[in-house]
Amino acid sequence: PGPPWPEEVLARRHVLPTKPDPGVVRTERLEIRPY
């Protein structure tokens, strides 16, 4: 089977929320915020 993920990667499965939450993201010219 495929290679195992490191434990620190697998740990994120139980931390990431069901509803995505990237926060407010700022790039060079833009702000990406919740609608």
Full PDB file with SEQRES, HELIX, SHEET, SSBOND, CRYST1, ORIGX, SCALE, CONECT and MASTER records, all heavy atoms in Angstrom:
SEQRES   1 A   35  PRO GLY PRO PRO TRP PRO GLU GLU VAL LEU ALA ARG ARG          
SEQRES   2 A   35  HIS VAL LEU PRO THR LYS PRO ASP PRO GLY VAL VAL ARG          
SEQRES   3 A   35  THR GLU ARG LEU GLU ILE ARG PRO TYR                          
HELIX    1 AA1 GLU A    7  LEU A   10  1                                   4    
HELIX    2 AA2 ALA A   11  HIS A   14  5                                   4    
SHEET    1 AA1 2 VAL A  25  ARG A  26  0                                        
SHEET    2 AA1 2 GLU A  31  ILE A  32 -1                                        
CRYST1    1.000    1.000    1.000  90.00  90.00  90.00 P 1           1          
ORIGX1      1.000000  0.000000  0.000000        0.00000                         
ORIGX2      0.000000  1.000000  0.000000        0.00000                         
ORIGX3      0.000000  0.000000  1.000000        0.00000                         
SCALE1      1.000000  0.000000  0.000000        0.00000                         
SCALE2      0.000000  1.000000  0.000000        0.00000                         
SCALE3      0.000000  0.000000  1.000000        0.00000                         
ATOM      1  N   PRO A   1       0.842  -1.201   0.000  1.00  0.00           N  
ATOM      2  CA  PRO A   1       0.000   0.000   0.000  1.00  0.00           C  
ATOM      3  C   PRO A   1       0.876   1.250   0.000  1.00  0.00           C  
ATOM      4  O   PRO A   1       2.100   1.173   0.138  1.00  0.00           O  
ATOM      5  CB  PRO A   1      -0.794  -0.127   1.308  1.00  0.00           C  
ATOM      6  CG  PRO A   1       0.046  -1.003   2.171  1.00  0.00           C  
ATOM      7  CD  PRO A   1       0.753  -1.955   1.245  1.00  0.00           C  
ATOM      8  N   GLY A   2       0.220   2.389  -0.153  1.00  0.00           N  
ATOM      9  CA  GLY A   2       0.950   3.652  -0.208  1.00  0.00           C  
ATOM     10  C   GLY A   2       1.711   3.924   1.071  1.00  0.00           C  
ATOM     11  O   GLY A   2       1.455   3.322   2.121  1.00  0.00           O  
ATOM     12  N   PRO A   3       2.673   4.842   1.012  1.00  0.00           N  
ATOM     13  CA  PRO A   3       3.495   5.137   2.190  1.00  0.00           C  
ATOM     14  C   PRO A   3       2.660   5.772   3.295  1.00  0.00           C  
ATOM     15  O   PRO A   3       1.708   6.501   3.024  1.00  0.00           O  
ATOM     16  CB  PRO A   3       4.541   6.113   1.647  1.00  0.00           C  
ATOM     17  CG  PRO A   3       3.891   6.749   0.460  1.00  0.00           C  
ATOM     18  CD  PRO A   3       3.034   5.678  -0.150  1.00  0.00           C  
ATOM     19  N   PRO A   4       2.985   5.495   4.534  1.00  0.00           N  
ATOM     20  CA  PRO A   4       2.238   6.093   5.651  1.00  0.00           C  
ATOM     21  C   PRO A   4       2.571   7.578   5.791  1.00  0.00           C  
ATOM     22  O   PRO A   4       3.694   8.005   5.515  1.00  0.00           O  
ATOM     23  CB  PRO A   4       2.723   5.295   6.866  1.00  0.00           C  
ATOM     24  CG  PRO A   4       4.106   4.842   6.480  1.00  0.00           C  
ATOM     25  CD  PRO A   4       4.050   4.593   4.998  1.00  0.00           C  
ATOM     26  N   TRP A   5       1.575   8.342   6.207  1.00  0.00           N  
ATOM     27  CA  TRP A   5       1.834   9.745   6.518  1.00  0.00           C  
ATOM     28  C   TRP A   5       2.537   9.834   7.864  1.00  0.00           C  
ATOM     29  O   TRP A   5       2.291   9.014   8.764  1.00  0.00           O  
ATOM     30  CB  TRP A   5       0.521  10.514   6.613  1.00  0.00           C  
ATOM     31  CG  TRP A   5      -0.185  10.768   5.322  1.00  0.00           C  
ATOM     32  CD1 TRP A   5      -1.382  10.253   4.939  1.00  0.00           C  
ATOM     33  CD2 TRP A   5       0.237  11.625   4.256  1.00  0.00           C  
ATOM     34  NE1 TRP A   5      -1.743  10.717   3.706  1.00  0.00           N  
ATOM     35  CE2 TRP A   5      -0.767  11.571   3.257  1.00  0.00           C  
ATOM     36  CE3 TRP A   5       1.354  12.425   4.047  1.00  0.00           C  
ATOM     37  CZ2 TRP A   5      -0.680  12.290   2.071  1.00  0.00           C  
ATOM     38  CZ3 TRP A   5       1.437  13.143   2.853  1.00  0.00           C  
ATOM     39  CH2 TRP A   5       0.437  13.073   1.887  1.00  0.00           C  
ATOM     40  N   PRO A   6       3.385  10.840   8.054  1.00  0.00           N  
ATOM     41  CA  PRO A   6       3.964  11.077   9.391  1.00  0.00           C  
ATOM     42  C   PRO A   6       2.864  11.373  10.411  1.00  0.00           C  
ATOM     43  O   PRO A   6       1.792  11.875  10.060  1.00  0.00           O  
ATOM     44  CB  PRO A   6       4.862  12.304   9.166  1.00  0.00           C  
ATOM     45  CG  PRO A   6       5.140  12.322   7.702  1.00  0.00           C  
ATOM     46  CD  PRO A   6       3.908  11.762   7.039  1.00  0.00           C  
ATOM     47  N   GLU A   7       3.111  11.068  11.648  1.00  0.00           N  
ATOM     48  CA  GLU A   7       2.109  11.266  12.691  1.00  0.00           C  
ATOM     49  C   GLU A   7       1.645  12.714  12.780  1.00  0.00           C  
ATOM     50  O   GLU A   7       0.466  12.984  13.021  1.00  0.00           O  
ATOM     51  CB  GLU A   7       2.664  10.806  14.044  1.00  0.00           C  
ATOM     52  CG  GLU A   7       2.781   9.303  14.184  1.00  0.00           C  
ATOM     53  CD  GLU A   7       1.442   8.608  14.047  1.00  0.00           C  
ATOM     54  OE1 GLU A   7       0.430   9.166  14.539  1.00  0.00           O  
ATOM     55  OE2 GLU A   7       1.388   7.517  13.443  1.00  0.00           O  
ATOM     56  N   GLU A   8       2.567  13.664  12.568  1.00  0.00           N  
ATOM     57  CA  GLU A   8       2.170  15.069  12.668  1.00  0.00           C  
ATOM     58  C   GLU A   8       1.217  15.468  11.545  1.00  0.00           C  
ATOM     59  O   GLU A   8       0.383  16.364  11.710  1.00  0.00           O  
ATOM     60  CB  GLU A   8       3.401  15.986  12.674  1.00  0.00           C  
ATOM     61  CG  GLU A   8       4.269  15.933  11.433  1.00  0.00           C  
ATOM     62  CD  GLU A   8       5.374  14.903  11.534  1.00  0.00           C  
ATOM     63  OE1 GLU A   8       5.244  13.961  12.342  1.00  0.00           O  
ATOM     64  OE2 GLU A   8       6.373  15.055  10.796  1.00  0.00           O  
ATOM     65  N   VAL A   9       1.317  14.812  10.382  1.00  0.00           N  
ATOM     66  CA  VAL A   9       0.372  15.064   9.293  1.00  0.00           C  
ATOM     67  C   VAL A   9      -0.980  14.458   9.637  1.00  0.00           C  
ATOM     68  O   VAL A   9      -2.032  15.098   9.510  1.00  0.00           O  
ATOM     69  CB  VAL A   9       0.906  14.492   7.961  1.00  0.00           C  
ATOM     70  CG1 VAL A   9      -0.164  14.580   6.879  1.00  0.00           C  
ATOM     71  CG2 VAL A   9       2.161  15.239   7.531  1.00  0.00           C  
ATOM     72  N   LEU A  10      -0.979  13.209  10.086  1.00  0.00           N  
ATOM     73  CA  LEU A  10      -2.228  12.547  10.436  1.00  0.00           C  
ATOM     74  C   LEU A  10      -2.963  13.259  11.563  1.00  0.00           C  
ATOM     75  O   LEU A  10      -4.199  13.254  11.616  1.00  0.00           O  
ATOM     76  CB  LEU A  10      -1.954  11.096  10.829  1.00  0.00           C  
ATOM     77  CG  LEU A  10      -1.484  10.174   9.700  1.00  0.00           C  
ATOM     78  CD1 LEU A  10      -1.133   8.804  10.268  1.00  0.00           C  
ATOM     79  CD2 LEU A  10      -2.542  10.049   8.616  1.00  0.00           C  
ATOM     80  N   ALA A  11      -2.231  13.887  12.459  1.00  0.00           N  
ATOM     81  CA  ALA A  11      -2.851  14.577  13.585  1.00  0.00           C  
ATOM     82  C   ALA A  11      -3.763  15.708  13.125  1.00  0.00           C  
ATOM     83  O   ALA A  11      -4.744  16.046  13.803  1.00  0.00           O  
ATOM     84  CB  ALA A  11      -1.782  15.113  14.523  1.00  0.00           C  
ATOM     85  N   ARG A  12      -3.488  16.300  11.957  1.00  0.00           N  
ATOM     86  CA  ARG A  12      -4.302  17.403  11.458  1.00  0.00           C  
ATOM     87  C   ARG A  12      -5.713  16.939  11.100  1.00  0.00           C  
ATOM     88  O   ARG A  12      -6.639  17.750  11.045  1.00  0.00           O  
ATOM     89  CB  ARG A  12      -3.635  18.032  10.235  1.00  0.00           C  
ATOM     90  CG  ARG A  12      -2.242  18.590  10.486  1.00  0.00           C  
ATOM     91  CD  ARG A  12      -2.229  19.580  11.637  1.00  0.00           C  
ATOM     92  NE  ARG A  12      -3.093  20.721  11.384  1.00  0.00           N  
ATOM     93  CZ  ARG A  12      -3.411  21.640  12.279  1.00  0.00           C  
ATOM     94  NH1 ARG A  12      -2.970  21.531  13.528  1.00  0.00           N  
ATOM     95  NH2 ARG A  12      -4.201  22.653  11.967  1.00  0.00           N  
ATOM     96  N   ARG A  13      -5.903  15.642  10.854  1.00  0.00           N  
ATOM     97  CA  ARG A  13      -7.222  15.124  10.510  1.00  0.00           C  
ATOM     98  C   ARG A  13      -8.242  15.390  11.611  1.00  0.00           C  
ATOM     99  O   ARG A  13      -9.442  15.497  11.358  1.00  0.00           O  
ATOM    100  CB  ARG A  13      -7.150  13.618  10.250  1.00  0.00           C  
ATOM    101  CG  ARG A  13      -6.181  13.212   9.160  1.00  0.00           C  
ATOM    102  CD  ARG A  13      -5.926  11.721   9.164  1.00  0.00           C  
ATOM    103  NE  ARG A  13      -7.073  10.974   8.649  1.00  0.00           N  
ATOM    104  CZ  ARG A  13      -7.562   9.892   9.212  1.00  0.00           C  
ATOM    105  NH1 ARG A  13      -7.048   9.429  10.350  1.00  0.00           N  
ATOM    106  NH2 ARG A  13      -8.583   9.257   8.661  1.00  0.00           N  
ATOM    107  N   HIS A  14      -7.762  15.490  12.827  1.00  0.00           N  
ATOM    108  CA  HIS A  14      -8.644  15.641  13.978  1.00  0.00           C  
ATOM    109  C   HIS A  14      -8.667  17.074  14.499  1.00  0.00           C  
ATOM    110  O   HIS A  14      -9.294  17.352  15.528  1.00  0.00           O  
ATOM    111  CB  HIS A  14      -8.213  14.683  15.076  1.00  0.00           C  
ATOM    112  CG  HIS A  14      -8.062  13.272  14.585  1.00  0.00           C  
ATOM    113  ND1 HIS A  14      -9.138  12.504  14.202  1.00  0.00           N  
ATOM    114  CD2 HIS A  14      -6.951  12.508  14.376  1.00  0.00           C  
ATOM    115  CE1 HIS A  14      -8.711  11.324  13.790  1.00  0.00           C  
ATOM    116  NE2 HIS A  14      -7.390  11.301  13.891  1.00  0.00           N  
ATOM    117  N   VAL A  15      -8.021  17.973  13.768  1.00  0.00           N  
ATOM    118  CA  VAL A  15      -7.984  19.380  14.158  1.00  0.00           C  
ATOM    119  C   VAL A  15      -8.726  20.249  13.147  1.00  0.00           C  
ATOM    120  O   VAL A  15      -9.414  21.211  13.525  1.00  0.00           O  
ATOM    121  CB  VAL A  15      -6.516  19.859  14.284  1.00  0.00           C  
ATOM    122  CG1 VAL A  15      -6.458  21.357  14.571  1.00  0.00           C  
ATOM    123  CG2 VAL A  15      -5.790  19.065  15.369  1.00  0.00           C  
ATOM    124  N   LEU A  16      -8.616  19.914  11.869  1.00  0.00           N  
ATOM    125  CA  LEU A  16      -9.263  20.705  10.832  1.00  0.00           C  
ATOM    126  C   LEU A  16     -10.779  20.652  11.004  1.00  0.00           C  
ATOM    127  O   LEU A  16     -11.352  19.581  11.214  1.00  0.00           O  
ATOM    128  CB  LEU A  16      -8.874  20.183   9.446  1.00  0.00           C  
ATOM    129  CG  LEU A  16      -7.405  20.370   9.067  1.00  0.00           C  
ATOM    130  CD1 LEU A  16      -7.084  19.572   7.803  1.00  0.00           C  
ATOM    131  CD2 LEU A  16      -7.091  21.844   8.864  1.00  0.00           C  
ATOM    132  N   PRO A  17     -11.467  21.784  10.894  1.00  0.00           N  
ATOM    133  CA  PRO A  17     -12.916  21.804  11.103  1.00  0.00           C  
ATOM    134  C   PRO A  17     -13.671  21.244   9.899  1.00  0.00           C  
ATOM    135  O   PRO A  17     -13.167  21.242   8.772  1.00  0.00           O  
ATOM    136  CB  PRO A  17     -13.220  23.292  11.288  1.00  0.00           C  
ATOM    137  CG  PRO A  17     -12.158  23.985  10.494  1.00  0.00           C  
ATOM    138  CD  PRO A  17     -10.918  23.133  10.641  1.00  0.00           C  
ATOM    139  N   THR A  18     -14.897  20.795  10.140  1.00  0.00           N  
ATOM    140  CA  THR A  18     -15.742  20.315   9.051  1.00  0.00           C  
ATOM    141  C   THR A  18     -16.056  21.440   8.070  1.00  0.00           C  
ATOM    142  O   THR A  18     -16.037  21.253   6.856  1.00  0.00           O  
ATOM    143  CB  THR A  18     -17.055  19.735   9.606  1.00  0.00           C  
ATOM    144  OG1 THR A  18     -16.734  18.666  10.487  1.00  0.00           O  
ATOM    145  CG2 THR A  18     -17.947  19.231   8.494  1.00  0.00           C  
ATOM    146  N   LYS A  19     -16.329  22.622   8.588  1.00  0.00           N  
ATOM    147  CA  LYS A  19     -16.551  23.797   7.738  1.00  0.00           C  
ATOM    148  C   LYS A  19     -15.208  24.497   7.557  1.00  0.00           C  
ATOM    149  O   LYS A  19     -14.578  24.888   8.539  1.00  0.00           O  
ATOM    150  CB  LYS A  19     -17.568  24.742   8.369  1.00  0.00           C  
ATOM    151  CG  LYS A  19     -18.090  25.812   7.408  1.00  0.00           C  
ATOM    152  CD  LYS A  19     -19.258  26.544   8.018  1.00  0.00           C  
ATOM    153  CE  LYS A  19     -19.873  27.512   7.017  1.00  0.00           C  
ATOM    154  NZ  LYS A  19     -20.571  26.812   5.917  1.00  0.00           N  
ATOM    155  N   PRO A  20     -14.735  24.643   6.325  1.00  0.00           N  
ATOM    156  CA  PRO A  20     -13.399  25.210   6.109  1.00  0.00           C  
ATOM    157  C   PRO A  20     -13.252  26.576   6.771  1.00  0.00           C  
ATOM    158  O   PRO A  20     -14.195  27.372   6.781  1.00  0.00           O  
ATOM    159  CB  PRO A  20     -13.303  25.334   4.581  1.00  0.00           C  
ATOM    160  CG  PRO A  20     -14.324  24.389   4.053  1.00  0.00           C  
ATOM    161  CD  PRO A  20     -15.422  24.332   5.062  1.00  0.00           C  
ATOM    162  N   ASP A  21     -12.078  26.852   7.283  1.00  0.00           N  
ATOM    163  CA  ASP A  21     -11.858  28.127   7.966  1.00  0.00           C  
ATOM    164  C   ASP A  21     -10.428  28.614   7.716  1.00  0.00           C  
ATOM    165  O   ASP A  21      -9.554  28.464   8.578  1.00  0.00           O  
ATOM    166  CB  ASP A  21     -12.122  27.973   9.461  1.00  0.00           C  
ATOM    167  CG  ASP A  21     -12.075  29.313  10.182  1.00  0.00           C  
ATOM    168  OD1 ASP A  21     -12.114  30.363   9.506  1.00  0.00           O  
ATOM    169  OD2 ASP A  21     -12.004  29.313  11.424  1.00  0.00           O  
ATOM    170  N   PRO A  22     -10.181  29.208   6.536  1.00  0.00           N  
ATOM    171  CA  PRO A  22      -8.834  29.723   6.270  1.00  0.00           C  
ATOM    172  C   PRO A  22      -8.578  31.077   6.904  1.00  0.00           C  
ATOM    173  O   PRO A  22      -7.469  31.615   6.814  1.00  0.00           O  
ATOM    174  CB  PRO A  22      -8.817  29.828   4.741  1.00  0.00           C  
ATOM    175  CG  PRO A  22     -10.234  30.171   4.400  1.00  0.00           C  
ATOM    176  CD  PRO A  22     -11.079  29.391   5.390  1.00  0.00           C  
ATOM    177  N   GLY A  23      -9.609  31.663   7.545  1.00  0.00           N  
ATOM    178  CA  GLY A  23      -9.478  33.004   8.078  1.00  0.00           C  
ATOM    179  C   GLY A  23      -9.518  34.018   6.945  1.00  0.00           C  
ATOM    180  O   GLY A  23     -10.027  33.762   5.863  1.00  0.00           O  
ATOM    181  N   VAL A  24      -8.983  35.200   7.204  1.00  0.00           N  
ATOM    182  CA  VAL A  24      -8.857  36.233   6.175  1.00  0.00           C  
ATOM    183  C   VAL A  24      -7.478  36.087   5.544  1.00  0.00           C  
ATOM    184  O   VAL A  24      -6.468  36.124   6.242  1.00  0.00           O  
ATOM    185  CB  VAL A  24      -9.051  37.641   6.763  1.00  0.00           C  
ATOM    186  CG1 VAL A  24      -8.812  38.709   5.703  1.00  0.00           C  
ATOM    187  CG2 VAL A  24     -10.450  37.781   7.359  1.00  0.00           C  
ATOM    188  N   VAL A  25      -7.456  35.900   4.242  1.00  0.00           N  
ATOM    189  CA  VAL A  25      -6.195  35.679   3.529  1.00  0.00           C  
ATOM    190  C   VAL A  25      -5.853  36.946   2.751  1.00  0.00           C  
ATOM    191  O   VAL A  25      -6.685  37.455   1.990  1.00  0.00           O  
ATOM    192  CB  VAL A  25      -6.303  34.482   2.569  1.00  0.00           C  
ATOM    193  CG1 VAL A  25      -5.007  34.299   1.782  1.00  0.00           C  
ATOM    194  CG2 VAL A  25      -6.643  33.220   3.361  1.00  0.00           C  
ATOM    195  N   ARG A  26      -4.653  37.431   2.931  1.00  0.00           N  
ATOM    196  CA  ARG A  26      -4.204  38.634   2.215  1.00  0.00           C  
ATOM    197  C   ARG A  26      -3.067  38.269   1.273  1.00  0.00           C  
ATOM    198  O   ARG A  26      -2.114  37.596   1.664  1.00  0.00           O  
ATOM    199  CB  ARG A  26      -3.767  39.712   3.208  1.00  0.00           C  
ATOM    200  CG  ARG A  26      -4.923  40.250   4.048  1.00  0.00           C  
ATOM    201  CD  ARG A  26      -4.481  41.263   5.091  1.00  0.00           C  
ATOM    202  NE  ARG A  26      -5.630  41.823   5.790  1.00  0.00           N  
ATOM    203  CZ  ARG A  26      -6.214  41.253   6.838  1.00  0.00           C  
ATOM    204  NH1 ARG A  26      -5.748  40.097   7.302  1.00  0.00           N  
ATOM    205  NH2 ARG A  26      -7.264  41.824   7.412  1.00  0.00           N  
ATOM    206  N   THR A  27      -3.218  38.699   0.036  1.00  0.00           N  
ATOM    207  CA  THR A  27      -2.181  38.484  -0.965  1.00  0.00           C  
ATOM    208  C   THR A  27      -1.619  39.842  -1.379  1.00  0.00           C  
ATOM    209  O   THR A  27      -1.916  40.861  -0.744  1.00  0.00           O  
ATOM    210  CB  THR A  27      -2.754  37.738  -2.178  1.00  0.00           C  
ATOM    211  OG1 THR A  27      -3.757  38.568  -2.807  1.00  0.00           O  
ATOM    212  CG2 THR A  27      -3.390  36.414  -1.765  1.00  0.00           C  
ATOM    213  N   GLU A  28      -0.846  39.867  -2.428  1.00  0.00           N  
ATOM    214  CA  GLU A  28      -0.196  41.124  -2.833  1.00  0.00           C  
ATOM    215  C   GLU A  28      -1.204  42.234  -3.112  1.00  0.00           C  
ATOM    216  O   GLU A  28      -1.006  43.371  -2.693  1.00  0.00           O  
ATOM    217  CB  GLU A  28       0.649  40.877  -4.076  1.00  0.00           C  
ATOM    218  CG  GLU A  28       1.383  42.114  -4.567  1.00  0.00           C  
ATOM    219  CD  GLU A  28       2.225  41.839  -5.799  1.00  0.00           C  
ATOM    220  OE1 GLU A  28       2.308  40.668  -6.229  1.00  0.00           O  
ATOM    221  OE2 GLU A  28       2.789  42.798  -6.347  1.00  0.00           O  
ATOM    222  N   ARG A  29      -2.304  41.906  -3.781  1.00  0.00           N  
ATOM    223  CA  ARG A  29      -3.271  42.946  -4.170  1.00  0.00           C  
ATOM    224  C   ARG A  29      -4.662  42.752  -3.583  1.00  0.00           C  
ATOM    225  O   ARG A  29      -5.512  43.645  -3.733  1.00  0.00           O  
ATOM    226  CB  ARG A  29      -3.412  42.955  -5.701  1.00  0.00           C  
ATOM    227  CG  ARG A  29      -2.158  43.292  -6.469  1.00  0.00           C  
ATOM    228  CD  ARG A  29      -2.391  43.151  -7.967  1.00  0.00           C  
ATOM    229  NE  ARG A  29      -2.690  41.757  -8.334  1.00  0.00           N  
ATOM    230  CZ  ARG A  29      -3.118  41.382  -9.542  1.00  0.00           C  
ATOM    231  NH1 ARG A  29      -3.319  42.291 -10.480  1.00  0.00           N  
ATOM    232  NH2 ARG A  29      -3.339  40.098  -9.801  1.00  0.00           N  
ATOM    233  N   LEU A  30      -4.901  41.633  -2.932  1.00  0.00           N  
ATOM    234  CA  LEU A  30      -6.258  41.237  -2.614  1.00  0.00           C  
ATOM    235  C   LEU A  30      -6.436  40.848  -1.157  1.00  0.00           C  
ATOM    236  O   LEU A  30      -5.476  40.487  -0.476  1.00  0.00           O  
ATOM    237  CB  LEU A  30      -6.661  40.046  -3.499  1.00  0.00           C  
ATOM    238  CG  LEU A  30      -6.502  40.252  -5.008  1.00  0.00           C  
ATOM    239  CD1 LEU A  30      -6.550  38.920  -5.730  1.00  0.00           C  
ATOM    240  CD2 LEU A  30      -7.567  41.195  -5.527  1.00  0.00           C  
ATOM    241  N   GLU A  31      -7.678  40.911  -0.726  1.00  0.00           N  
ATOM    242  CA  GLU A  31      -8.087  40.342   0.557  1.00  0.00           C  
ATOM    243  C   GLU A  31      -9.190  39.334   0.260  1.00  0.00           C  
ATOM    244  O   GLU A  31     -10.133  39.646  -0.475  1.00  0.00           O  
ATOM    245  CB  GLU A  31      -8.612  41.421   1.499  1.00  0.00           C  
ATOM    246  CG  GLU A  31      -9.059  40.889   2.847  1.00  0.00           C  
ATOM    247  CD  GLU A  31      -9.550  41.976   3.777  1.00  0.00           C  
ATOM    248  OE1 GLU A  31      -8.699  42.605   4.439  1.00  0.00           O  
ATOM    249  OE2 GLU A  31     -10.777  42.216   3.807  1.00  0.00           O  
ATOM    250  N   ILE A  32      -9.061  38.135   0.819  1.00  0.00           N  
ATOM    251  CA  ILE A  32     -10.036  37.070   0.617  1.00  0.00           C  
ATOM    252  C   ILE A  32     -10.649  36.795   1.975  1.00  0.00           C  
ATOM    253  O   ILE A  32      -9.985  36.276   2.873  1.00  0.00           O  
ATOM    254  CB  ILE A  32      -9.358  35.811   0.044  1.00  0.00           C  
ATOM    255  CG1 ILE A  32      -8.511  36.167  -1.188  1.00  0.00           C  
ATOM    256  CG2 ILE A  32     -10.389  34.752  -0.304  1.00  0.00           C  
ATOM    257  CD1 ILE A  32      -7.371  35.205  -1.452  1.00  0.00           C  
ATOM    258  N   ARG A  33     -11.898  37.175   2.136  1.00  0.00           N  
ATOM    259  CA  ARG A  33     -12.548  37.091   3.448  1.00  0.00           C  
ATOM    260  C   ARG A  33     -13.876  36.367   3.337  1.00  0.00           C  
ATOM    261  O   ARG A  33     -14.430  36.209   2.249  1.00  0.00           O  
ATOM    262  CB  ARG A  33     -12.767  38.493   3.993  1.00  0.00           C  
ATOM    263  CG  ARG A  33     -13.619  39.391   3.092  1.00  0.00           C  
ATOM    264  CD  ARG A  33     -14.299  40.482   3.879  1.00  0.00           C  
ATOM    265  NE  ARG A  33     -15.019  41.416   3.055  1.00  0.00           N  
ATOM    266  CZ  ARG A  33     -16.249  41.213   2.576  1.00  0.00           C  
ATOM    267  NH1 ARG A  33     -16.875  40.068   2.809  1.00  0.00           N  
ATOM    268  NH2 ARG A  33     -16.864  42.141   1.855  1.00  0.00           N  
ATOM    269  N   PRO A  34     -14.441  35.919   4.459  1.00  0.00           N  
ATOM    270  CA  PRO A  34     -15.727  35.238   4.395  1.00  0.00           C  
ATOM    271  C   PRO A  34     -16.815  36.106   3.757  1.00  0.00           C  
ATOM    272  O   PRO A  34     -16.930  37.305   4.049  1.00  0.00           O  
ATOM    273  CB  PRO A  34     -16.039  34.936   5.867  1.00  0.00           C  
ATOM    274  CG  PRO A  34     -14.698  34.835   6.512  1.00  0.00           C  
ATOM    275  CD  PRO A  34     -13.858  35.870   5.817  1.00  0.00           C  
ATOM    276  N   TYR A  35     -17.591  35.491   2.899  1.00  0.00           N  
ATOM    277  CA  TYR A  35     -18.746  36.149   2.291  1.00  0.00           C  
ATOM    278  C   TYR A  35     -19.798  36.445   3.351  1.00  0.00           C  
ATOM    279  O   TYR A  35     -20.014  35.645   4.270  1.00  0.00           O  
ATOM    280  CB  TYR A  35     -19.337  35.222   1.222  1.00  0.00           C  
ATOM    281  CG  TYR A  35     -20.776  35.489   0.864  1.00  0.00           C  
ATOM    282  CD1 TYR A  35     -21.106  36.419  -0.122  1.00  0.00           C  
ATOM    283  CD2 TYR A  35     -21.810  34.807   1.522  1.00  0.00           C  
ATOM    284  CE1 TYR A  35     -22.441  36.656  -0.451  1.00  0.00           C  
ATOM    285  CE2 TYR A  35     -23.136  35.042   1.200  1.00  0.00           C  
ATOM    286  CZ  TYR A  35     -23.451  35.967   0.221  1.00  0.00           C  
ATOM    287  OH  TYR A  35     -24.763  36.201  -0.094  1.00  0.00           O  
TER     288      TYR A  35                                                      
MASTER        0    0    0    2    2    0    0    6  287    1    0    3          
END                                                                             
